[in-house]
Protein backbone atom coordinates (compact mmCIF):
# COMPACT_ATOMS: atom_id res chain seq x y z
CA MET A 1 -31.51 157.69 19.56
CA THR A 2 -27.82 157.88 18.71
CA GLU A 3 -25.46 155.20 17.52
CA ARG A 4 -21.90 154.83 18.71
CA VAL A 5 -18.97 152.46 18.67
CA ILE A 6 -18.80 150.50 21.92
CA ALA A 7 -15.35 149.27 22.93
CA PRO A 8 -14.70 146.88 25.83
CA LYS A 9 -13.43 148.58 28.98
CA SER A 10 -12.95 146.49 32.09
CA ARG A 11 -11.75 146.41 35.65
CA GLY A 12 -10.58 142.88 36.13
CA PHE A 13 -13.47 140.61 35.14
CA LEU A 14 -16.02 143.45 35.36
CA PHE A 15 -16.83 145.31 32.14
CA LEU A 16 -18.16 148.85 32.29
CA ASP A 17 -20.27 148.64 29.12
CA SER A 18 -22.09 145.94 27.17
CA HIS A 19 -22.50 145.52 23.44
CA PRO A 20 -26.13 145.23 22.23
CA GLY A 21 -25.25 143.51 18.95
CA GLY A 22 -22.97 141.02 20.65
CA CYS A 23 -25.58 140.20 23.30
CA ARG A 24 -28.18 139.68 20.57
CA GLN A 25 -25.86 137.40 18.60
CA LEU A 26 -24.99 135.43 21.74
CA VAL A 27 -28.68 134.78 22.44
CA ASP A 28 -29.12 133.68 18.82
CA GLU A 29 -26.22 131.23 19.25
CA MET A 30 -27.74 129.79 22.42
CA TRP A 31 -31.12 129.33 20.73
CA GLN A 32 -29.54 127.61 17.74
CA ALA A 33 -27.65 125.25 20.07
CA VAL A 34 -30.93 123.85 21.44
CA PRO A 35 -32.06 120.56 19.82
CA ALA A 36 -35.36 120.40 17.97
CA PRO A 37 -38.47 120.91 20.12
CA VAL A 38 -39.78 117.94 22.05
CA ALA A 39 -43.35 118.82 21.06
CA PRO A 40 -43.37 121.38 18.22
CA GLY A 41 -46.20 123.88 18.22
CA GLU A 42 -46.95 127.56 18.62
CA GLY A 43 -48.51 129.28 21.57
CA ASP A 44 -49.77 126.14 23.31
CA GLY A 45 -46.79 125.15 25.42
CA PRO A 46 -46.75 124.90 29.22
CA VAL A 47 -46.80 128.09 31.27
CA ALA A 48 -43.50 128.74 33.02
CA LEU A 49 -42.03 131.38 35.30
CA VAL A 50 -38.26 131.85 35.27
CA ILE A 51 -36.94 133.97 38.14
CA GLY A 52 -33.51 135.27 37.22
CA SER A 53 -34.09 134.97 33.46
CA SER A 54 -31.45 137.34 32.05
CA ALA A 55 -28.07 135.83 32.96
CA GLY A 56 -26.18 132.61 33.58
CA TYR A 57 -28.21 129.48 34.12
CA GLY A 58 -31.46 131.44 34.37
CA LEU A 59 -30.95 132.77 30.85
CA ALA A 60 -30.10 129.25 29.69
CA ALA A 61 -33.27 127.96 31.35
CA THR A 62 -35.35 130.60 29.58
CA ILE A 63 -33.89 129.96 26.13
CA ALA A 64 -33.89 126.17 26.49
CA GLY A 65 -37.48 126.27 27.74
CA LEU A 66 -38.62 128.43 24.85
CA ALA A 67 -36.74 126.58 22.10
CA ARG A 68 -36.97 123.00 23.39
CA VAL A 69 -40.28 122.84 25.25
CA GLY A 70 -42.18 125.75 23.73
CA ILE A 71 -42.89 127.35 27.07
CA ARG A 72 -44.83 130.57 27.36
CA GLY A 73 -45.03 132.69 30.44
CA ILE A 74 -42.94 135.17 32.38
CA GLY A 75 -39.28 135.95 32.97
CA VAL A 76 -38.23 138.07 35.95
CA CYS A 77 -34.88 139.83 36.21
CA PHE A 78 -33.30 143.02 37.54
CA GLU A 79 -31.34 145.01 34.94
CA LYS A 80 -30.26 148.61 34.33
CA ALA A 81 -31.54 150.55 31.35
CA PRO A 82 -29.22 152.43 28.98
CA ALA A 83 -28.34 155.87 30.31
CA ARG A 84 -24.94 157.54 30.44
CA ARG A 85 -23.45 154.12 29.93
CA THR A 86 -24.93 151.26 27.98
CA GLY A 87 -27.60 149.08 29.51
CA THR A 88 -26.47 145.98 31.36
CA ALA A 89 -25.79 142.90 29.28
CA GLY A 90 -28.89 141.30 30.79
CA TRP A 91 -31.00 144.19 29.47
CA TYR A 92 -29.87 143.50 25.93
CA ARG A 93 -30.07 139.72 26.31
CA THR A 94 -33.65 140.04 27.49
CA ALA A 95 -34.57 142.18 24.49
CA ALA A 96 -32.96 139.58 22.20
CA THR A 97 -34.72 136.67 23.93
CA ALA A 98 -38.08 138.43 23.63
CA ARG A 99 -37.47 139.01 19.90
CA LEU A 100 -36.76 135.33 19.29
CA ALA A 101 -39.74 134.27 21.39
CA ARG A 102 -42.04 136.44 19.23
CA GLN A 103 -40.52 135.08 16.03
CA HIS A 104 -41.26 131.54 17.17
CA GLY A 105 -44.78 132.27 18.38
CA ARG A 106 -43.98 132.06 22.09
CA ASP A 107 -45.91 134.39 24.38
CA MET A 108 -43.18 135.42 26.82
CA VAL A 109 -43.44 138.53 29.01
CA PHE A 110 -40.44 139.97 30.86
CA ILE A 111 -40.65 141.93 34.11
CA ASN A 112 -37.73 144.10 35.21
CA GLY A 113 -37.79 144.41 38.98
CA ASP A 114 -36.71 143.07 42.36
CA ALA A 115 -37.77 139.42 42.47
CA PHE A 116 -37.55 139.49 46.27
CA SER A 117 -40.32 142.10 46.48
CA ASP A 118 -44.02 141.37 46.84
CA THR A 119 -44.66 144.07 44.24
CA VAL A 120 -43.09 141.92 41.54
CA LYS A 121 -44.87 138.84 42.86
CA GLU A 122 -48.16 140.72 42.51
CA GLN A 123 -47.29 141.69 38.93
CA VAL A 124 -46.56 138.07 38.10
CA ALA A 125 -49.76 136.83 39.74
CA ALA A 126 -51.82 139.38 37.80
CA LEU A 127 -50.21 138.36 34.50
CA LEU A 128 -50.78 134.68 35.20
CA ALA A 129 -54.44 135.33 35.96
CA GLU A 130 -55.12 137.71 33.09
CA ARG A 131 -52.86 136.49 30.29
CA PHE A 132 -52.06 132.84 30.92
CA GLY A 133 -55.34 131.32 32.03
CA GLY A 134 -54.64 131.47 35.75
CA ARG A 135 -52.32 128.47 35.84
CA LEU A 136 -48.60 127.94 36.22
CA ASP A 137 -47.00 124.64 35.22
CA PHE A 138 -43.31 125.29 35.98
CA LEU A 139 -41.23 127.66 38.08
CA ILE A 140 -37.44 127.85 37.67
CA TYR A 141 -35.66 129.71 40.47
CA SER A 142 -32.19 130.99 39.55
CA VAL A 143 -31.26 133.94 41.74
CA ALA A 144 -27.77 135.13 42.68
CA ALA A 145 -27.88 138.46 44.47
CA PRO A 146 -25.76 140.51 46.84
CA ARG A 147 -28.66 141.53 49.07
CA ARG A 148 -32.34 141.01 49.81
CA THR A 149 -34.96 143.14 51.51
CA ASP A 150 -37.50 141.18 53.55
CA PRO A 151 -40.96 142.28 52.32
CA ASP A 152 -42.49 141.74 55.77
CA THR A 153 -39.96 143.49 57.99
CA GLY A 154 -38.03 145.77 55.66
CA ASP A 155 -34.77 144.27 56.99
CA VAL A 156 -31.95 144.20 54.44
CA TYR A 157 -29.73 141.12 54.33
CA ALA A 158 -26.34 140.97 52.56
CA SER A 159 -24.72 137.77 51.29
CA VAL A 160 -20.98 137.19 51.62
CA LEU A 161 -18.56 134.68 50.12
CA ARG A 162 -16.50 133.58 53.10
CA PRO A 163 -15.10 130.37 54.55
CA ILE A 164 -16.32 129.18 57.92
CA GLY A 165 -14.07 128.77 60.97
CA SER A 166 -10.70 129.97 59.70
CA PRO A 167 -9.16 132.09 56.94
CA TYR A 168 -8.92 130.45 53.53
CA THR A 169 -5.93 130.85 51.26
CA THR A 170 -6.20 129.68 47.69
CA LYS A 171 -4.67 130.14 44.30
CA THR A 172 -6.53 132.49 42.03
CA LEU A 173 -6.21 133.74 38.47
CA VAL A 174 -5.87 137.42 37.61
CA PHE A 175 -4.76 139.33 34.53
CA ASP A 176 -2.39 142.29 34.77
CA GLU A 177 -2.96 145.63 33.02
CA ASN A 178 -1.39 144.23 29.86
CA GLY A 179 -3.62 141.16 29.88
CA ALA A 180 -0.91 138.75 31.01
CA PRO A 181 -2.19 135.96 33.30
CA GLU A 182 -0.91 135.66 36.84
CA VAL A 183 -1.49 132.94 39.41
CA LYS A 184 -1.54 134.47 42.86
CA GLU A 185 -2.57 133.50 46.33
CA VAL A 186 -5.46 135.28 47.98
CA THR A 187 -6.65 134.92 51.58
CA THR A 188 -10.28 135.38 52.54
CA ALA A 189 -11.23 136.10 56.15
CA PRO A 190 -13.72 133.73 57.78
CA ALA A 191 -17.36 134.48 58.41
CA GLU A 192 -18.07 136.50 61.51
CA GLY A 193 -21.10 137.74 63.38
CA ASP A 194 -24.27 136.90 61.49
CA ASP A 195 -22.61 136.45 58.07
CA ILE A 196 -23.98 132.93 57.70
CA GLU A 197 -27.54 133.88 58.62
CA GLN A 198 -27.42 136.91 56.32
CA THR A 199 -26.17 134.81 53.39
CA VAL A 200 -28.82 132.16 53.96
CA ALA A 201 -31.51 134.86 54.05
CA VAL A 202 -30.42 136.03 50.58
CA MET A 203 -29.27 132.87 48.82
CA GLY A 204 -31.17 130.14 50.62
CA GLY A 205 -34.68 128.90 49.96
CA THR A 206 -36.68 131.53 51.83
CA ASP A 207 -37.69 133.58 48.81
CA TRP A 208 -38.24 130.51 46.64
CA GLU A 209 -40.71 129.19 49.21
CA ARG A 210 -42.31 132.63 49.46
CA TRP A 211 -42.93 132.62 45.70
CA ILE A 212 -44.62 129.21 45.88
CA THR A 213 -46.78 130.25 48.84
CA PHE A 214 -47.71 133.55 47.19
CA LEU A 215 -48.88 131.84 43.99
CA ALA A 216 -50.52 128.90 45.78
CA ASP A 217 -52.56 131.25 47.97
CA ARG A 218 -53.98 132.73 44.75
CA SER A 219 -54.77 129.28 43.30
CA LEU A 220 -52.35 129.80 40.42
CA LEU A 221 -50.50 126.47 40.59
CA ALA A 222 -51.66 123.95 38.00
CA ASP A 223 -52.18 120.29 38.82
CA GLY A 224 -48.78 118.62 38.59
CA PHE A 225 -46.97 121.95 39.07
CA THR A 226 -43.20 121.43 39.18
CA THR A 227 -40.50 123.76 40.44
CA ALA A 228 -36.71 123.57 40.33
CA ALA A 229 -34.11 125.76 42.02
CA LEU A 230 -30.74 125.88 40.30
CA SER A 231 -27.72 125.14 42.49
CA TYR A 232 -24.04 124.18 42.41
CA ILE A 233 -21.77 121.90 44.43
CA GLY A 234 -18.45 122.18 42.65
CA SER A 235 -15.01 120.69 43.04
CA PRO A 236 -13.20 119.74 46.25
CA LEU A 237 -10.60 122.31 45.11
CA THR A 238 -13.07 125.14 45.72
CA ALA A 239 -15.10 123.57 48.52
CA ALA A 240 -13.69 125.65 51.38
CA ILE A 241 -14.85 128.92 49.84
CA TYR A 242 -17.97 127.52 48.20
CA ARG A 243 -19.75 124.39 49.38
CA GLN A 244 -18.23 124.46 52.88
CA GLY A 245 -18.44 128.23 53.16
CA THR A 246 -21.28 130.65 53.77
CA ILE A 247 -22.73 130.15 50.30
CA GLY A 248 -22.67 126.40 50.86
CA VAL A 249 -24.82 126.75 53.97
CA ALA A 250 -27.26 128.75 51.84
CA LYS A 251 -27.27 126.02 49.19
CA SER A 252 -27.95 123.41 51.86
CA HIS A 253 -30.89 125.53 53.01
CA LEU A 254 -32.12 125.67 49.42
CA GLU A 255 -31.99 121.88 49.20
CA ALA A 256 -33.81 121.48 52.53
CA THR A 257 -36.46 123.88 51.22
CA ALA A 258 -36.84 121.69 48.14
CA ARG A 259 -37.62 118.67 50.30
CA THR A 260 -40.21 120.64 52.28
CA LEU A 261 -41.80 122.03 49.12
CA ASP A 262 -41.78 118.64 47.42
CA GLU A 263 -43.81 117.10 50.22
CA ARG A 264 -46.19 120.04 50.31
CA LEU A 265 -46.76 120.21 46.55
CA GLY A 266 -47.21 116.47 46.33
CA LYS A 267 -50.12 116.72 48.76
CA THR A 268 -51.76 119.86 47.37
CA VAL A 269 -51.41 119.73 43.55
CA GLY A 270 -49.73 116.42 42.85
CA GLY A 271 -46.58 118.36 42.03
CA ARG A 272 -42.96 118.32 43.04
CA ALA A 273 -39.94 120.45 43.88
CA VAL A 274 -36.28 119.66 43.21
CA THR A 275 -32.92 121.34 43.15
CA SER A 276 -30.86 121.03 40.00
CA VAL A 277 -27.13 120.83 40.58
CA ASN A 278 -25.53 122.41 37.54
CA ALA A 279 -21.91 122.19 36.46
CA ALA A 280 -19.19 124.82 36.22
CA ALA A 281 -19.44 127.68 33.75
CA VAL A 282 -18.13 131.18 33.29
CA THR A 283 -20.83 133.49 34.63
CA GLN A 284 -20.89 137.00 36.03
CA SER A 285 -21.47 135.53 39.48
CA SER A 286 -18.82 132.81 39.34
CA THR A 287 -15.97 135.12 38.31
CA ALA A 288 -16.34 136.94 41.63
CA ILE A 289 -15.51 133.83 43.68
CA PRO A 290 -11.83 133.41 44.64
CA GLY A 291 -10.24 130.47 42.83
CA ILE A 292 -13.18 129.80 40.50
CA ALA A 293 -11.62 131.51 37.48
CA LEU A 294 -8.49 129.41 37.83
CA TYR A 295 -10.49 126.24 38.37
CA VAL A 296 -12.74 126.75 35.35
CA GLY A 297 -9.77 127.57 33.13
CA LEU A 298 -8.02 124.37 34.22
CA LEU A 299 -11.22 122.36 33.80
CA ARG A 300 -11.47 123.58 30.22
CA GLY A 301 -7.82 122.70 29.73
CA VAL A 302 -8.61 119.12 30.74
CA LEU A 303 -11.96 118.67 28.97
CA GLY A 304 -11.89 121.05 26.02
CA ASP A 305 -15.13 120.88 24.03
CA ALA A 306 -16.39 118.05 26.24
CA MET A 307 -17.56 120.70 28.71
CA VAL A 308 -21.34 121.02 28.55
CA ALA A 309 -22.50 124.61 28.11
CA PRO A 310 -25.25 125.97 30.39
CA VAL A 311 -27.91 125.84 27.66
CA GLY A 312 -27.04 122.18 27.03
CA GLN A 313 -27.41 121.42 30.71
CA LEU A 314 -30.77 123.18 30.88
CA VAL A 315 -32.04 121.24 27.89
CA GLN A 316 -31.35 118.12 29.96
CA LEU A 317 -33.21 119.62 32.92
CA TRP A 318 -36.27 120.58 30.87
CA ASP A 319 -36.36 117.11 29.31
CA GLN A 320 -36.48 115.61 32.80
CA LEU A 321 -39.01 118.09 34.20
CA THR A 322 -41.39 117.57 31.29
CA GLY A 323 -41.08 113.78 31.24
CA ALA A 324 -39.27 113.53 27.90
CA ARG A 325 -36.59 111.73 29.91
CA PRO A 326 -36.90 110.05 33.32
CA LEU A 327 -36.23 112.27 36.30
CA ASP A 328 -32.74 111.24 37.44
CA LEU A 329 -32.25 112.09 41.12
CA ASP A 330 -29.40 111.39 43.51
CA GLU A 331 -29.88 109.98 47.01
CA GLU A 332 -30.72 113.45 48.32
CA GLY A 333 -33.39 114.09 45.71
CA ARG A 334 -31.32 116.42 43.52
CA VAL A 335 -31.15 116.43 39.73
CA ARG A 336 -27.45 116.09 38.90
CA LEU A 337 -26.25 117.79 35.71
CA ASP A 338 -22.66 117.99 36.97
CA THR A 339 -21.56 114.36 36.76
CA TRP A 340 -19.22 115.05 33.83
CA GLU A 341 -17.44 117.72 35.86
CA LEU A 342 -17.14 115.71 39.07
CA ASP A 343 -16.02 112.49 37.40
CA PRO A 344 -13.07 111.32 39.57
CA ALA A 345 -10.69 111.08 36.59
CA VAL A 346 -11.53 114.65 35.55
CA GLN A 347 -11.11 115.99 39.08
CA ASP A 348 -7.79 114.17 39.49
CA ALA A 349 -6.49 115.73 36.28
CA VAL A 350 -7.64 119.22 37.30
CA ALA A 351 -6.14 118.80 40.79
CA GLU A 352 -2.77 117.80 39.32
CA ARG A 353 -2.75 120.93 37.16
CA TRP A 354 -3.92 123.07 40.07
CA THR A 355 -0.96 121.91 42.19
CA THR A 356 1.62 122.82 39.56
CA ALA A 357 -0.04 125.98 38.24
CA THR A 358 2.14 129.09 38.36
CA SER A 359 2.21 132.33 36.41
CA GLU A 360 4.83 130.74 34.19
CA SER A 361 3.02 127.45 33.55
CA ILE A 362 -0.62 128.49 33.53
CA THR A 363 -0.89 129.04 29.77
CA GLU A 364 0.10 125.40 29.22
CA LEU A 365 -2.28 124.03 31.83
CA ALA A 366 -5.44 126.08 31.34
CA ASP A 367 -7.35 127.23 28.28
CA LEU A 368 -7.00 130.93 29.02
CA ASP A 369 -7.92 132.08 25.54
CA TRP A 370 -11.27 130.35 25.92
CA PHE A 371 -11.74 131.69 29.44
CA SER A 372 -10.93 135.29 28.49
CA GLU A 373 -13.30 135.14 25.54
CA GLU A 374 -16.06 133.65 27.70
CA VAL A 375 -15.72 136.54 30.15
CA ARG A 376 -15.93 139.04 27.29
CA ARG A 377 -18.93 137.24 25.82
CA LEU A 378 -20.80 137.79 29.07
CA TYR A 379 -20.91 141.44 28.05
CA GLY A 380 -21.47 140.92 24.33
CA PHE A 381 -17.83 141.11 23.20
CA SER A 382 -15.77 138.49 21.33
CA VAL A 383 -18.91 137.11 19.69
CA PRO A 384 -18.21 135.88 16.13
CA GLY A 385 -20.13 137.65 13.39
CA VAL A 386 -20.32 141.04 15.12
CA ASP A 387 -18.61 144.11 13.64
CA TYR A 388 -17.26 145.85 16.72
CA ALA A 389 -15.84 148.71 14.65
CA ALA A 390 -19.34 149.69 13.52
CA ALA A 391 -21.58 152.08 15.44
CA VAL A 392 -24.52 150.43 17.16
CA GLU A 393 -27.69 151.69 18.83
CA ALA A 394 -27.32 151.34 22.61
CA ASP A 395 -30.72 152.74 23.56
CA VAL A 396 -32.61 149.47 23.16
CA PRO A 397 -36.09 149.54 24.74
CA TRP A 398 -37.35 146.96 27.21
CA PRO A 399 -39.51 144.44 25.31
CA THR A 400 -43.21 145.27 25.30
CA PRO A 401 -45.61 142.32 25.38
CA THR A 402 -47.70 141.69 22.30
CA PRO A 403 -51.44 142.19 22.83
CA THR A 404 -53.26 139.17 24.18
CA PRO A 405 -55.68 137.45 21.80
CA SER A 406 -58.62 138.84 23.76
CA ALA A 407 -57.28 142.39 23.36
CA THR A 408 -57.09 142.06 19.57
CA ALA A 409 -60.33 140.21 19.01
């Protein structure tokens, strides 16, 4: 192993390397932000499976579940190991999450692989049967992916972010080579051919339902089993490219799947299925959507620290799923964690700033320092308490599960 200094290098919002120490510190911060456990204890919490556990809201669900509820179980994600470049940020975040889980007596195993594949589903089923007593209490589904291979047919589907019906022109935020912010207009061509069907196949509820069926067929769902798929609606300002676009059709499919699964689980195990509508945040997925960077920066400019971070939102979700708080559903059966964002007064204030935003005025209207730092933090940079001038070991191994009690007896 060799240590080296890792400096941030980026192309737009995409960073080429990640910082292991920064990712570890970020995970520590998230854990510390979680309120005291609902039911303190070691090793005896509910068994949970988090699909998409290394980034964004999936990472927040994993950390909030471990720290707040004391879950044990399995996290599934798809990350690249260190090689010529550093590992992905999700690789390092997973290693850090596993370390904290061990320190707090939580038995959490992480699988690195394609969650869409039956191979990974088989690995999960085997672990549930052999390590976790053959029962699963909760499944959190948080997957954002560019493509999916159908395990039955081998067909590969690709998701696209496109409006439906006509081209969409919107303001967007970019930074020039010197880091100066610019507000530009960008036009996205409308969906064509089978773009909608392809996006639904990747980002809809098909794989979520396949996971439930796969585990149910092996009698691995506990009585009262509950599952939640994480979703987003967003502002009217971004609706044409998001909720009314191809991805929005996929989200509608996800919500329809939740209703089907809820009825099915209610009959079979006395369980339930819901979608959780989360609020805006800076994530690796969201920065790729035209207009979202500008919107989130303006939202922060309006709300400041009143914005609820992803881990705070997922604490609320876990409290509702576990019964610590009543399950608060809207008329379509969705858990709504985005009410603070979509408050009419907040949206009116953001819309006013959106209308007047230019390259010259943007620094007064949006919190761009916060936004830029949040983007850097996704990759482990700009995290307080980290010495970025010091050499750090990049070759961090994937976390190995501790032996099960039966193996050490």
